[in-house]
Amino acid sequence: MTVHHAAGVGYQRAAGVYERSRPSYPLSALAALADVLPLEAGRTVVDLGAGTGKFTRLLALTGAEVLAVEPVREMRERLAELLPGVAVTAGTAEATGLPGGCADAVVAAQSWHWFQADRALAEVERLLRPGGALVLVWNTYDTSVPWVRDFQDIYFRLAPKDLPSPPLAPRPGEPYRQDGWRAVFDGRPGWGRIEERHWPNPHSTTVVDVVERMMSSSHIAVLDAAAQERVRAEVEAVLGDHGVAGPDGAMELPYTTDVYWLRYG
């Protein structure tokens, strides 16, 4: 299996922190997807790049059968521990190992940007039953908030040039600045138009967990100890300079949950 080095090594090291520090997703977004797809008992959904199961556990609430696919062993083990009733396989988005025509929907939450888009889409086409849907979900930082913009800038300044990136949240008055993932669907036969909805997703958290949110980023987690300490100090300085936390360290990290879906066949 081919997995980007930052994901393969970084998420091995940071699986536990990843689970603790990342937000979930709004139940309103899940309800909208369950209604439009639909997701219910008797239906099957494949969760690509399921990680520790942040979105997987929501999909399971719909009553649909959930098949989780996750290539990183440490993430997969954490998912299995948290969701023992969900089947999980060690495949990749490009080669899941699942039987063809097994899915009414395929979901990639916080993961599509890691995939080789053409190969992953061919695999999705193989998995979907006629009329099935692909759903792409991302939690993006709300960079209309100044401290969040400074926080995100640390992430991208340290990112290697070949690091796959999710769609970026817009700055005030700007359109989405990175949605290159759409290009793979241009002129591709069988696919309907892209539908989308966006939900605010404020995440109640603490200074400690916001710092760990940065430290669990794949390309940060692969740094040596000294480099990681420099990153940690820089993040703590941003939070301190902006005075975003209460006296007990509690704070809110504002996200937007972006959901896109389209049908095939």
C-alpha atoms as a PDB file:
ATOM      1  CA  MET A   1       0.000   0.000   0.000  1.00  0.00           C
ATOM      2  CA  THR A   2       1.250   3.498  -0.868  1.00  0.00           C
ATOM      3  CA  VAL A   3       0.678   6.138   1.804  1.00  0.00           C
ATOM      4  CA  HIS A   4       2.256   9.611   1.917  1.00  0.00           C
ATOM      5  CA  HIS A   5       5.245   9.586   4.290  1.00  0.00           C
ATOM      6  CA  ALA A   6       3.829  12.349   6.488  1.00  0.00           C
ATOM      7  CA  ALA A   7       0.605  10.417   7.004  1.00  0.00           C
ATOM      8  CA  GLY A   8       2.191   6.987   7.320  1.00  0.00           C
ATOM      9  CA  VAL A   9       4.758   8.034   9.936  1.00  0.00           C
ATOM     10  CA  GLY A  10       3.105  11.080  11.493  1.00  0.00           C
ATOM     11  CA  TYR A  11      -0.187   9.357  12.230  1.00  0.00           C
ATOM     12  CA  GLN A  12       1.605   6.308  13.613  1.00  0.00           C
ATOM     13  CA  ARG A  13       3.222   8.547  16.194  1.00  0.00           C
ATOM     14  CA  ALA A  14       0.204  10.714  16.927  1.00  0.00           C
ATOM     15  CA  ALA A  15      -2.856   8.437  16.745  1.00  0.00           C
ATOM     16  CA  GLY A  16      -3.800   8.943  20.384  1.00  0.00           C
ATOM     17  CA  VAL A  17      -3.310  12.708  20.318  1.00  0.00           C
ATOM     18  CA  TYR A  18      -5.193  12.874  17.015  1.00  0.00           C
ATOM     19  CA  GLU A  19      -8.229  11.264  18.639  1.00  0.00           C
ATOM     20  CA  ARG A  20      -8.143  13.586  21.664  1.00  0.00           C
ATOM     21  CA  SER A  21      -7.509  16.892  19.926  1.00  0.00           C
ATOM     22  CA  ARG A  22      -9.595  16.745  16.740  1.00  0.00           C
ATOM     23  CA  PRO A  23     -13.217  17.923  16.640  1.00  0.00           C
ATOM     24  CA  SER A  24     -16.159  15.798  15.677  1.00  0.00           C
ATOM     25  CA  TYR A  25     -18.768  16.957  13.155  1.00  0.00           C
ATOM     26  CA  PRO A  26     -22.199  18.579  13.603  1.00  0.00           C
ATOM     27  CA  LEU A  27     -25.074  16.158  13.997  1.00  0.00           C
ATOM     28  CA  SER A  28     -27.038  18.466  11.687  1.00  0.00           C
ATOM     29  CA  ALA A  29     -24.585  17.634   8.893  1.00  0.00           C
ATOM     30  CA  LEU A  30     -25.008  13.916   9.550  1.00  0.00           C
ATOM     31  CA  ALA A  31     -28.806  14.279   9.569  1.00  0.00           C
ATOM     32  CA  ALA A  32     -28.743  16.127   6.240  1.00  0.00           C
ATOM     33  CA  LEU A  33     -26.594  13.415   4.637  1.00  0.00           C
ATOM     34  CA  ALA A  34     -28.688  10.616   6.102  1.00  0.00           C
ATOM     35  CA  ASP A  35     -31.760  12.218   4.583  1.00  0.00           C
ATOM     36  CA  VAL A  36     -30.419  13.022   1.121  1.00  0.00           C
ATOM     37  CA  LEU A  37     -28.423   9.839   0.376  1.00  0.00           C
ATOM     38  CA  PRO A  38     -30.226   8.166   2.291  1.00  0.00           C
ATOM     39  CA  LEU A  39     -28.333   6.392   5.071  1.00  0.00           C
ATOM     40  CA  GLU A  40     -30.430   3.903   7.031  1.00  0.00           C
ATOM     41  CA  ALA A  41     -30.731   0.255   7.984  1.00  0.00           C
ATOM     42  CA  GLY A  42     -30.242  -1.998   4.979  1.00  0.00           C
ATOM     43  CA  ARG A  43     -27.805   0.412   3.312  1.00  0.00           C
ATOM     44  CA  THR A  44     -23.996   0.125   3.250  1.00  0.00           C
ATOM     45  CA  VAL A  45     -21.495   2.981   3.471  1.00  0.00           C
ATOM     46  CA  VAL A  46     -17.714   2.739   3.044  1.00  0.00           C
ATOM     47  CA  ASP A  47     -15.605   5.185   5.086  1.00  0.00           C
ATOM     48  CA  LEU A  48     -12.279   5.825   3.305  1.00  0.00           C
ATOM     49  CA  GLY A  49      -9.277   6.912   5.382  1.00  0.00           C
ATOM     50  CA  ALA A  50     -11.395   6.448   8.491  1.00  0.00           C
ATOM     51  CA  GLY A  51      -8.564   7.339  10.886  1.00  0.00           C
ATOM     52  CA  THR A  52      -9.606   6.845  14.507  1.00  0.00           C
ATOM     53  CA  GLY A  53     -13.276   6.868  13.517  1.00  0.00           C
ATOM     54  CA  LYS A  54     -14.282  10.483  14.141  1.00  0.00           C
ATOM     55  CA  PHE A  55     -16.849  10.383  11.333  1.00  0.00           C
ATOM     56  CA  THR A  56     -17.261   6.596  11.342  1.00  0.00           C
ATOM     57  CA  ARG A  57     -19.040   6.666  14.699  1.00  0.00           C
ATOM     58  CA  LEU A  58     -21.552   9.189  13.330  1.00  0.00           C
ATOM     59  CA  LEU A  59     -22.200   7.089  10.244  1.00  0.00           C
ATOM     60  CA  ALA A  60     -22.915   4.122  12.521  1.00  0.00           C
ATOM     61  CA  LEU A  61     -25.689   6.118  14.216  1.00  0.00           C
ATOM     62  CA  THR A  62     -27.710   6.048  10.973  1.00  0.00           C
ATOM     63  CA  GLY A  63     -28.254   2.288  11.180  1.00  0.00           C
ATOM     64  CA  ALA A  64     -26.405   1.697   7.911  1.00  0.00           C
ATOM     65  CA  GLU A  65     -23.698  -0.952   7.771  1.00  0.00           C
ATOM     66  CA  VAL A  66     -20.330   0.845   7.924  1.00  0.00           C
ATOM     67  CA  LEU A  67     -17.165  -0.569   6.348  1.00  0.00           C
ATOM     68  CA  ALA A  68     -14.121   1.416   7.482  1.00  0.00           C
ATOM     69  CA  VAL A  69     -10.891   1.504   5.455  1.00  0.00           C
ATOM     70  CA  GLU A  70      -7.693   2.772   7.127  1.00  0.00           C
ATOM     71  CA  PRO A  71      -4.100   2.000   6.082  1.00  0.00           C
ATOM     72  CA  VAL A  72      -2.247   3.194   9.219  1.00  0.00           C
ATOM     73  CA  ARG A  73      -2.156   0.393  11.787  1.00  0.00           C
ATOM     74  CA  GLU A  74      -2.104   2.615  14.874  1.00  0.00           C
ATOM     75  CA  MET A  75      -5.143   4.566  13.670  1.00  0.00           C
ATOM     76  CA  ARG A  76      -6.929   1.347  12.730  1.00  0.00           C
ATOM     77  CA  GLU A  77      -6.297  -0.168  16.157  1.00  0.00           C
ATOM     78  CA  ARG A  78      -7.652   2.933  17.864  1.00  0.00           C
ATOM     79  CA  LEU A  79     -10.773   2.803  15.669  1.00  0.00           C
ATOM     80  CA  ALA A  80     -11.334  -0.876  16.452  1.00  0.00           C
ATOM     81  CA  GLU A  81     -10.988  -0.169  20.178  1.00  0.00           C
ATOM     82  CA  LEU A  82     -13.543   2.646  20.062  1.00  0.00           C
ATOM     83  CA  LEU A  83     -15.945   1.018  17.569  1.00  0.00           C
ATOM     84  CA  PRO A  84     -15.796  -2.764  18.016  1.00  0.00           C
ATOM     85  CA  GLY A  85     -18.999  -3.215  16.006  1.00  0.00           C
ATOM     86  CA  VAL A  86     -17.588  -1.644  12.836  1.00  0.00           C
ATOM     87  CA  ALA A  87     -15.712  -3.759  10.292  1.00  0.00           C
ATOM     88  CA  VAL A  88     -12.324  -2.209   9.486  1.00  0.00           C
ATOM     89  CA  THR A  89      -9.910  -3.186   6.744  1.00  0.00           C
ATOM     90  CA  ALA A  90      -6.278  -2.252   6.119  1.00  0.00           C
ATOM     91  CA  GLY A  91      -6.772  -1.059   2.543  1.00  0.00           C
ATOM     92  CA  THR A  92      -6.197   2.296   0.936  1.00  0.00           C
ATOM     93  CA  ALA A  93      -8.639   4.504  -0.951  1.00  0.00           C
ATOM     94  CA  GLU A  94      -6.992   3.394  -4.177  1.00  0.00           C
ATOM     95  CA  ALA A  95      -7.175  -0.334  -3.298  1.00  0.00           C
ATOM     96  CA  THR A  96      -9.690  -1.022  -0.547  1.00  0.00           C
ATOM     97  CA  GLY A  97      -9.824  -4.803  -0.973  1.00  0.00           C
ATOM     98  CA  LEU A  98     -13.616  -4.618  -0.704  1.00  0.00           C
ATOM     99  CA  PRO A  99     -15.897  -6.359  -3.229  1.00  0.00           C
ATOM    100  CA  GLY A 100     -17.224  -4.385  -6.171  1.00  0.00           C
ATOM    101  CA  GLY A 101     -20.753  -3.003  -5.953  1.00  0.00           C
ATOM    102  CA  CYS A 102     -20.830  -3.285  -2.163  1.00  0.00           C
ATOM    103  CA  ALA A 103     -21.683   0.318  -1.268  1.00  0.00           C
ATOM    104  CA  ASP A 104     -24.638   2.668  -1.498  1.00  0.00           C
ATOM    105  CA  ALA A 105     -22.351   5.518  -0.437  1.00  0.00           C
ATOM    106  CA  VAL A 106     -18.643   6.157  -0.027  1.00  0.00           C
ATOM    107  CA  VAL A 107     -17.478   8.801   2.443  1.00  0.00           C
ATOM    108  CA  ALA A 108     -14.078  10.449   2.873  1.00  0.00           C
ATOM    109  CA  ALA A 109     -13.991  12.660   5.972  1.00  0.00           C
ATOM    110  CA  GLN A 110     -10.824  14.738   6.405  1.00  0.00           C
ATOM    111  CA  SER A 111      -8.999  12.381   4.042  1.00  0.00           C
ATOM    112  CA  TRP A 112      -9.673  12.848   0.304  1.00  0.00           C
ATOM    113  CA  HIS A 113      -6.746  15.264  -0.141  1.00  0.00           C
ATOM    114  CA  TRP A 114      -4.363  12.434   0.868  1.00  0.00           C
ATOM    115  CA  PHE A 115      -5.492  10.169  -1.960  1.00  0.00           C
ATOM    116  CA  GLN A 116      -4.270   9.773  -5.545  1.00  0.00           C
ATOM    117  CA  ALA A 117      -7.456  11.265  -6.913  1.00  0.00           C
ATOM    118  CA  ASP A 118      -7.779   9.430 -10.253  1.00  0.00           C
ATOM    119  CA  ARG A 119      -7.066   6.015  -8.741  1.00  0.00           C
ATOM    120  CA  ALA A 120      -9.237   6.647  -5.701  1.00  0.00           C
ATOM    121  CA  LEU A 121     -12.127   7.765  -7.877  1.00  0.00           C
ATOM    122  CA  ALA A 122     -11.805   4.640 -10.041  1.00  0.00           C
ATOM    123  CA  GLU A 123     -12.005   2.565  -6.855  1.00  0.00           C
ATOM    124  CA  VAL A 124     -15.062   4.509  -5.683  1.00  0.00           C
ATOM    125  CA  GLU A 125     -16.724   3.841  -9.039  1.00  0.00           C
ATOM    126  CA  ARG A 126     -16.007   0.145  -8.593  1.00  0.00           C
ATOM    127  CA  LEU A 127     -17.488   0.094  -5.088  1.00  0.00           C
ATOM    128  CA  LEU A 128     -20.679   2.057  -5.714  1.00  0.00           C
ATOM    129  CA  ARG A 129     -23.972   0.525  -6.682  1.00  0.00           C
ATOM    130  CA  PRO A 130     -25.924   2.374  -9.424  1.00  0.00           C
ATOM    131  CA  GLY A 131     -27.166   5.708  -8.103  1.00  0.00           C
ATOM    132  CA  GLY A 132     -24.740   5.634  -5.177  1.00  0.00           C
ATOM    133  CA  ALA A 133     -23.018   8.739  -3.875  1.00  0.00           C
ATOM    134  CA  LEU A 134     -19.559   9.956  -2.918  1.00  0.00           C
ATOM    135  CA  VAL A 135     -19.387  12.309   0.079  1.00  0.00           C
ATOM    136  CA  LEU A 136     -16.374  14.472   0.912  1.00  0.00           C
ATOM    137  CA  VAL A 137     -16.213  16.131   4.332  1.00  0.00           C
ATOM    138  CA  TRP A 138     -13.689  18.524   5.828  1.00  0.00           C
ATOM    139  CA  ASN A 139     -13.460  20.499   9.045  1.00  0.00           C
ATOM    140  CA  THR A 140     -11.673  23.712   8.071  1.00  0.00           C
ATOM    141  CA  TYR A 141     -10.424  26.479  10.345  1.00  0.00           C
ATOM    142  CA  ASP A 142     -12.540  29.629  10.472  1.00  0.00           C
ATOM    143  CA  THR A 143      -9.758  32.024   9.497  1.00  0.00           C
ATOM    144  CA  SER A 144     -12.018  35.062   9.759  1.00  0.00           C
ATOM    145  CA  VAL A 145     -10.854  34.898  13.406  1.00  0.00           C
ATOM    146  CA  PRO A 146      -7.383  36.552  13.603  1.00  0.00           C
ATOM    147  CA  TRP A 147      -5.761  34.103  16.032  1.00  0.00           C
ATOM    148  CA  VAL A 148      -6.993  31.141  13.988  1.00  0.00           C
ATOM    149  CA  ARG A 149      -5.425  32.675  10.879  1.00  0.00           C
ATOM    150  CA  ASP A 150      -2.092  33.009  12.721  1.00  0.00           C
ATOM    151  CA  PHE A 151      -2.413  29.441  14.012  1.00  0.00           C
ATOM    152  CA  GLN A 152      -3.083  28.068  10.518  1.00  0.00           C
ATOM    153  CA  ASP A 153      -0.173  30.061   9.094  1.00  0.00           C
ATOM    154  CA  ILE A 154       2.211  28.097  11.346  1.00  0.00           C
ATOM    155  CA  TYR A 155       0.863  24.854   9.893  1.00  0.00           C
ATOM    156  CA  PHE A 156       1.357  25.893   6.277  1.00  0.00           C
ATOM    157  CA  ARG A 157       4.714  27.600   6.794  1.00  0.00           C
ATOM    158  CA  LEU A 158       6.134  24.313   8.091  1.00  0.00           C
ATOM    159  CA  ALA A 159       4.441  22.095   5.520  1.00  0.00           C
ATOM    160  CA  PRO A 160       6.651  20.420   2.889  1.00  0.00           C
ATOM    161  CA  LYS A 161       5.885  21.422  -0.686  1.00  0.00           C
ATOM    162  CA  ASP A 162       4.406  18.017  -1.540  1.00  0.00           C
ATOM    163  CA  LEU A 163       2.110  17.854   1.494  1.00  0.00           C
ATOM    164  CA  PRO A 164      -1.493  17.287   0.381  1.00  0.00           C
ATOM    165  CA  SER A 165      -3.747  19.957   1.856  1.00  0.00           C
ATOM    166  CA  PRO A 166      -7.475  20.090   2.508  1.00  0.00           C
ATOM    167  CA  PRO A 167      -9.541  22.927   1.031  1.00  0.00           C
ATOM    168  CA  LEU A 168      -8.571  26.127   2.788  1.00  0.00           C
ATOM    169  CA  ALA A 169     -11.133  28.199   4.598  1.00  0.00           C
ATOM    170  CA  PRO A 170     -11.613  31.632   3.027  1.00  0.00           C
ATOM    171  CA  ARG A 171     -10.328  34.846   4.464  1.00  0.00           C
ATOM    172  CA  PRO A 172     -13.002  37.558   4.822  1.00  0.00           C
ATOM    173  CA  GLY A 173     -14.265  38.652   1.416  1.00  0.00           C
ATOM    174  CA  GLU A 174     -12.350  35.924  -0.447  1.00  0.00           C
ATOM    175  CA  PRO A 175     -13.647  32.785  -2.139  1.00  0.00           C
ATOM    176  CA  TYR A 176     -12.328  29.361  -1.181  1.00  0.00           C
ATOM    177  CA  ARG A 177      -8.675  29.498  -2.150  1.00  0.00           C
ATOM    178  CA  GLN A 178      -8.024  25.808  -2.638  1.00  0.00           C
ATOM    179  CA  ASP A 179     -10.554  23.402  -4.090  1.00  0.00           C
ATOM    180  CA  GLY A 180      -8.436  21.668  -6.706  1.00  0.00           C
ATOM    181  CA  TRP A 181     -10.031  18.357  -5.714  1.00  0.00           C
ATOM    182  CA  ARG A 182     -12.960  19.291  -7.976  1.00  0.00           C
ATOM    183  CA  ALA A 183     -10.857  18.946 -11.127  1.00  0.00           C
ATOM    184  CA  VAL A 184     -10.884  15.129 -11.105  1.00  0.00           C
ATOM    185  CA  PHE A 185     -14.642  15.181 -11.731  1.00  0.00           C
ATOM    186  CA  ASP A 186     -14.491  17.533 -14.732  1.00  0.00           C
ATOM    187  CA  GLY A 187     -15.797  15.658 -17.749  1.00  0.00           C
ATOM    188  CA  ARG A 188     -15.700  12.343 -15.925  1.00  0.00           C
ATOM    189  CA  PRO A 189     -18.589  10.227 -17.241  1.00  0.00           C
ATOM    190  CA  GLY A 190     -21.308   9.012 -14.925  1.00  0.00           C
ATOM    191  CA  TRP A 191     -21.040  11.686 -12.242  1.00  0.00           C
ATOM    192  CA  GLY A 192     -23.724  14.209 -11.364  1.00  0.00           C
ATOM    193  CA  ARG A 193     -23.108  17.760 -10.215  1.00  0.00           C
ATOM    194  CA  ILE A 194     -21.423  18.565  -6.933  1.00  0.00           C
ATOM    195  CA  GLU A 195     -23.799  19.566  -4.150  1.00  0.00           C
ATOM    196  CA  GLU A 196     -22.495  21.292  -1.043  1.00  0.00           C
ATOM    197  CA  ARG A 197     -23.475  22.613   2.362  1.00  0.00           C
ATOM    198  CA  HIS A 198     -21.493  24.249   5.160  1.00  0.00           C
ATOM    199  CA  TRP A 199     -22.090  24.278   8.908  1.00  0.00           C
ATOM    200  CA  PRO A 200     -20.395  26.234  11.718  1.00  0.00           C
ATOM    201  CA  ASN A 201     -18.635  23.793  14.031  1.00  0.00           C
ATOM    202  CA  PRO A 202     -17.222  25.546  17.113  1.00  0.00           C
ATOM    203  CA  HIS A 203     -15.076  23.157  19.113  1.00  0.00           C
ATOM    204  CA  SER A 204     -14.980  23.606  22.892  1.00  0.00           C
ATOM    205  CA  THR A 205     -11.464  22.728  23.918  1.00  0.00           C
ATOM    206  CA  THR A 206      -8.461  23.826  25.986  1.00  0.00           C
ATOM    207  CA  VAL A 207      -5.132  25.481  25.316  1.00  0.00           C
ATOM    208  CA  VAL A 208      -3.422  22.141  25.885  1.00  0.00           C
ATOM    209  CA  ASP A 209      -5.538  20.398  23.276  1.00  0.00           C
ATOM    210  CA  VAL A 210      -5.200  23.211  20.720  1.00  0.00           C
ATOM    211  CA  VAL A 211      -1.434  22.905  21.030  1.00  0.00           C
ATOM    212  CA  GLU A 212      -1.742  19.140  20.650  1.00  0.00           C
ATOM    213  CA  ARG A 213      -3.980  19.689  17.628  1.00  0.00           C
ATOM    214  CA  MET A 214      -0.993  21.299  15.921  1.00  0.00           C
ATOM    215  CA  MET A 215       1.482  18.750  17.247  1.00  0.00           C
ATOM    216  CA  SER A 216      -0.632  15.861  15.918  1.00  0.00           C
ATOM    217  CA  SER A 217      -0.528  17.262  12.374  1.00  0.00           C
ATOM    218  CA  SER A 218       1.215  14.651  10.278  1.00  0.00           C
ATOM    219  CA  HIS A 219       4.130  16.807   9.081  1.00  0.00           C
ATOM    220  CA  ILE A 220       4.729  18.186  12.593  1.00  0.00           C
ATOM    221  CA  ALA A 221       4.627  14.755  14.231  1.00  0.00           C
ATOM    222  CA  VAL A 222       7.513  13.544  12.045  1.00  0.00           C
ATOM    223  CA  LEU A 223       9.858  16.369  13.197  1.00  0.00           C
ATOM    224  CA  ASP A 224      12.635  15.693  15.673  1.00  0.00           C
ATOM    225  CA  ALA A 225      12.109  16.571  19.326  1.00  0.00           C
ATOM    226  CA  ALA A 226      13.899  19.940  19.194  1.00  0.00           C
ATOM    227  CA  ALA A 227      11.925  21.097  16.151  1.00  0.00           C
ATOM    228  CA  GLN A 228       8.683  20.006  17.763  1.00  0.00           C
ATOM    229  CA  GLU A 229       9.467  22.034  20.869  1.00  0.00           C
ATOM    230  CA  ARG A 230      10.017  25.134  18.704  1.00  0.00           C
ATOM    231  CA  VAL A 231       6.627  24.594  17.087  1.00  0.00           C
ATOM    232  CA  ARG A 232       4.994  24.076  20.467  1.00  0.00           C
ATOM    233  CA  ALA A 233       6.488  27.333  21.783  1.00  0.00           C
ATOM    234  CA  GLU A 234       5.330  29.242  18.691  1.00  0.00           C
ATOM    235  CA  VAL A 235       1.764  27.972  19.005  1.00  0.00           C
ATOM    236  CA  GLU A 236       1.677  28.786  22.719  1.00  0.00           C
ATOM    237  CA  ALA A 237       2.924  32.300  21.899  1.00  0.00           C
ATOM    238  CA  VAL A 238       0.128  32.846  19.362  1.00  0.00           C
ATOM    239  CA  LEU A 239      -2.509  31.738  21.874  1.00  0.00           C
ATOM    240  CA  GLY A 240      -0.969  33.872  24.617  1.00  0.00           C
ATOM    241  CA  ASP A 241      -0.573  36.995  22.456  1.00  0.00           C
ATOM    242  CA  HIS A 242      -4.207  36.853  21.370  1.00  0.00           C
ATOM    243  CA  GLY A 243      -5.477  36.103  24.889  1.00  0.00           C
ATOM    244  CA  VAL A 244      -7.960  33.531  23.624  1.00  0.00           C
ATOM    245  CA  ALA A 245      -8.230  31.313  26.718  1.00  0.00           C
ATOM    246  CA  GLY A 246     -10.055  31.753  29.979  1.00  0.00           C
ATOM    247  CA  PRO A 247      -8.282  31.535  33.350  1.00  0.00           C
ATOM    248  CA  ASP A 248      -8.872  27.779  33.450  1.00  0.00           C
ATOM    249  CA  GLY A 249      -7.393  27.287  29.975  1.00  0.00           C
ATOM    250  CA  ALA A 250     -10.770  26.658  28.345  1.00  0.00           C
ATOM    251  CA  MET A 251     -11.296  28.103  24.884  1.00  0.00           C
ATOM    252  CA  GLU A 252     -13.110  27.612  21.589  1.00  0.00           C
ATOM    253  CA  LEU A 253     -11.531  26.675  18.263  1.00  0.00           C
ATOM    254  CA  PRO A 254     -13.921  27.724  15.494  1.00  0.00           C
ATOM    255  CA  TYR A 255     -14.252  25.387  12.535  1.00  0.00           C
ATOM    256  CA  THR A 256     -16.547  25.190   9.538  1.00  0.00           C
ATOM    257  CA  THR A 257     -17.705  21.745   8.423  1.00  0.00           C
ATOM    258  CA  ASP A 258     -17.759  21.581   4.613  1.00  0.00           C
ATOM    259  CA  VAL A 259     -19.759  18.743   3.033  1.00  0.00           C
ATOM    260  CA  TYR A 260     -19.810  17.917  -0.683  1.00  0.00           C
ATOM    261  CA  TRP A 261     -21.629  15.046  -2.374  1.00  0.00           C
ATOM    262  CA  LEU A 262     -22.378  13.806  -5.892  1.00  0.00           C
ATOM    263  CA  ARG A 263     -24.041  10.768  -7.378  1.00  0.00           C
ATOM    264  CA  TYR A 264     -22.666   8.182  -9.763  1.00  0.00           C
ATOM    265  CA  GLY A 265     -24.507   6.190 -12.394  1.00  0.00           C
END
